[in-house]
């Protein structure tokens, strides 16, 4: 994701369902950090 005001990119993960609805979103506060993959996988498992 682009942060226009400072022209930097932010790491983010979106889980989108079959109806194109965002069901989960995670924006990582620091570019050097990894996302919380366990939380993402849990969100995906809840959809299937």
N, C-alpha and C. Protein backbone atom coordinates (compact mmCIF):
# COMPACT_ATOMS: atom_id res chain seq x y z
N UNK A 1 0.84 -1.17 0.00
CA UNK A 1 0.00 0.00 0.00
C UNK A 1 0.88 1.23 0.00
N UNK A 2 0.52 2.20 -0.78
CA UNK A 2 1.26 3.45 -0.84
C UNK A 2 0.71 4.43 0.19
N UNK A 3 1.61 5.02 0.96
CA UNK A 3 1.24 6.10 1.87
C UNK A 3 1.60 7.39 1.13
N UNK A 4 0.61 8.02 0.49
CA UNK A 4 0.90 9.15 -0.40
C UNK A 4 1.61 10.32 0.27
N UNK A 5 1.27 10.61 1.51
CA UNK A 5 1.83 11.80 2.15
C UNK A 5 3.34 11.72 2.31
N UNK A 6 3.88 10.49 2.46
CA UNK A 6 5.32 10.35 2.61
C UNK A 6 5.94 9.52 1.49
N UNK A 7 5.13 9.13 0.54
CA UNK A 7 5.56 8.38 -0.64
C UNK A 7 6.38 7.14 -0.29
N UNK A 8 5.88 6.40 0.70
CA UNK A 8 6.49 5.14 1.10
C UNK A 8 5.45 4.03 0.99
N UNK A 9 5.94 2.81 0.95
CA UNK A 9 5.05 1.67 0.91
C UNK A 9 4.90 1.07 2.30
N UNK A 10 3.70 0.57 2.59
CA UNK A 10 3.44 -0.13 3.84
C UNK A 10 3.07 -1.57 3.51
N UNK A 11 3.51 -2.49 4.35
CA UNK A 11 3.13 -3.89 4.18
C UNK A 11 1.71 -4.08 4.68
N UNK A 12 0.94 -4.81 3.91
CA UNK A 12 -0.45 -5.08 4.32
C UNK A 12 -0.90 -6.42 3.76
N UNK A 13 -1.83 -7.04 4.45
CA UNK A 13 -2.44 -8.28 3.99
C UNK A 13 -3.95 -8.09 4.04
N UNK A 14 -4.60 -8.49 2.96
CA UNK A 14 -6.05 -8.45 2.90
C UNK A 14 -6.56 -9.85 2.59
N UNK A 15 -7.60 -10.27 3.30
CA UNK A 15 -8.29 -11.53 2.98
C UNK A 15 -9.64 -11.12 2.43
N UNK A 16 -9.88 -11.53 1.19
CA UNK A 16 -11.11 -11.15 0.48
C UNK A 16 -11.93 -12.41 0.22
N UNK A 17 -13.23 -12.35 0.51
CA UNK A 17 -14.07 -13.53 0.29
C UNK A 17 -14.52 -13.63 -1.16
N UNK A 18 -15.32 -14.63 -1.46
CA UNK A 18 -15.78 -14.87 -2.82
C UNK A 18 -16.67 -13.79 -3.39
N UNK A 19 -17.23 -12.95 -2.51
CA UNK A 19 -18.08 -11.84 -2.94
C UNK A 19 -17.30 -10.53 -3.01
N UNK A 20 -15.98 -10.62 -2.97
CA UNK A 20 -15.09 -9.46 -3.03
C UNK A 20 -15.24 -8.52 -1.84
N UNK A 21 -15.58 -9.08 -0.68
CA UNK A 21 -15.68 -8.31 0.56
C UNK A 21 -14.42 -8.56 1.37
N UNK A 22 -13.79 -7.49 1.83
CA UNK A 22 -12.60 -7.64 2.67
C UNK A 22 -13.05 -8.16 4.03
N UNK A 23 -12.55 -9.33 4.40
CA UNK A 23 -12.92 -9.96 5.67
C UNK A 23 -11.84 -9.82 6.73
N UNK A 24 -10.66 -9.48 6.32
CA UNK A 24 -9.55 -9.31 7.26
C UNK A 24 -8.55 -8.36 6.63
N UNK A 25 -7.99 -7.47 7.46
CA UNK A 25 -6.96 -6.56 6.99
C UNK A 25 -5.93 -6.39 8.08
N UNK A 26 -4.68 -6.40 7.68
CA UNK A 26 -3.60 -6.18 8.62
C UNK A 26 -2.58 -5.27 7.95
N UNK A 27 -2.32 -4.14 8.59
CA UNK A 27 -1.28 -3.23 8.11
C UNK A 27 -0.15 -3.30 9.12
N UNK A 28 1.03 -3.65 8.64
CA UNK A 28 2.19 -3.80 9.51
C UNK A 28 2.76 -2.41 9.81
N UNK A 29 2.97 -2.10 11.09
CA UNK A 29 3.40 -0.74 11.44
C UNK A 29 4.81 -0.37 10.97
N UNK A 30 5.69 -1.33 10.86
CA UNK A 30 7.07 -1.07 10.42
C UNK A 30 7.38 -1.95 9.22
N UNK A 31 7.96 -1.40 8.19
CA UNK A 31 8.26 -2.15 6.97
C UNK A 31 9.21 -3.31 7.25
N UNK A 32 10.03 -3.20 8.27
CA UNK A 32 10.98 -4.26 8.59
C UNK A 32 10.33 -5.43 9.33
N UNK A 33 9.11 -5.24 9.83
CA UNK A 33 8.40 -6.29 10.56
C UNK A 33 7.68 -7.22 9.61
N UNK A 34 7.55 -8.47 10.03
CA UNK A 34 6.75 -9.44 9.30
C UNK A 34 5.30 -9.34 9.77
N UNK A 35 4.35 -9.62 8.92
CA UNK A 35 2.96 -9.67 9.36
C UNK A 35 2.75 -10.84 10.33
N UNK A 36 1.64 -10.81 11.03
CA UNK A 36 1.26 -11.91 11.91
C UNK A 36 0.58 -12.97 11.05
N UNK A 37 1.39 -13.88 10.51
CA UNK A 37 0.88 -14.88 9.57
C UNK A 37 -0.14 -15.81 10.21
N UNK A 38 0.02 -16.11 11.49
CA UNK A 38 -0.94 -17.00 12.17
C UNK A 38 -2.33 -16.37 12.18
N UNK A 39 -2.41 -15.09 12.44
CA UNK A 39 -3.69 -14.40 12.44
C UNK A 39 -4.32 -14.41 11.05
N UNK A 40 -3.49 -14.26 10.03
CA UNK A 40 -3.99 -14.28 8.65
C UNK A 40 -4.54 -15.66 8.31
N UNK A 41 -3.79 -16.70 8.66
CA UNK A 41 -4.24 -18.06 8.37
C UNK A 41 -5.52 -18.39 9.12
N UNK A 42 -5.66 -17.91 10.34
CA UNK A 42 -6.90 -18.11 11.11
C UNK A 42 -8.07 -17.44 10.41
N UNK A 43 -7.87 -16.23 9.91
CA UNK A 43 -8.94 -15.52 9.18
C UNK A 43 -9.35 -16.28 7.94
N UNK A 44 -8.37 -16.85 7.22
CA UNK A 44 -8.67 -17.61 6.02
C UNK A 44 -9.44 -18.88 6.37
N UNK A 45 -9.00 -19.57 7.42
CA UNK A 45 -9.66 -20.82 7.82
C UNK A 45 -11.11 -20.58 8.22
N UNK A 46 -11.38 -19.43 8.80
CA UNK A 46 -12.76 -19.10 9.18
C UNK A 46 -13.67 -18.91 7.98
N UNK A 47 -13.09 -18.60 6.83
CA UNK A 47 -13.89 -18.40 5.61
C UNK A 47 -14.17 -19.69 4.85
N UNK A 48 -13.34 -20.72 5.10
CA UNK A 48 -13.55 -21.96 4.33
C UNK A 48 -14.20 -23.04 5.16
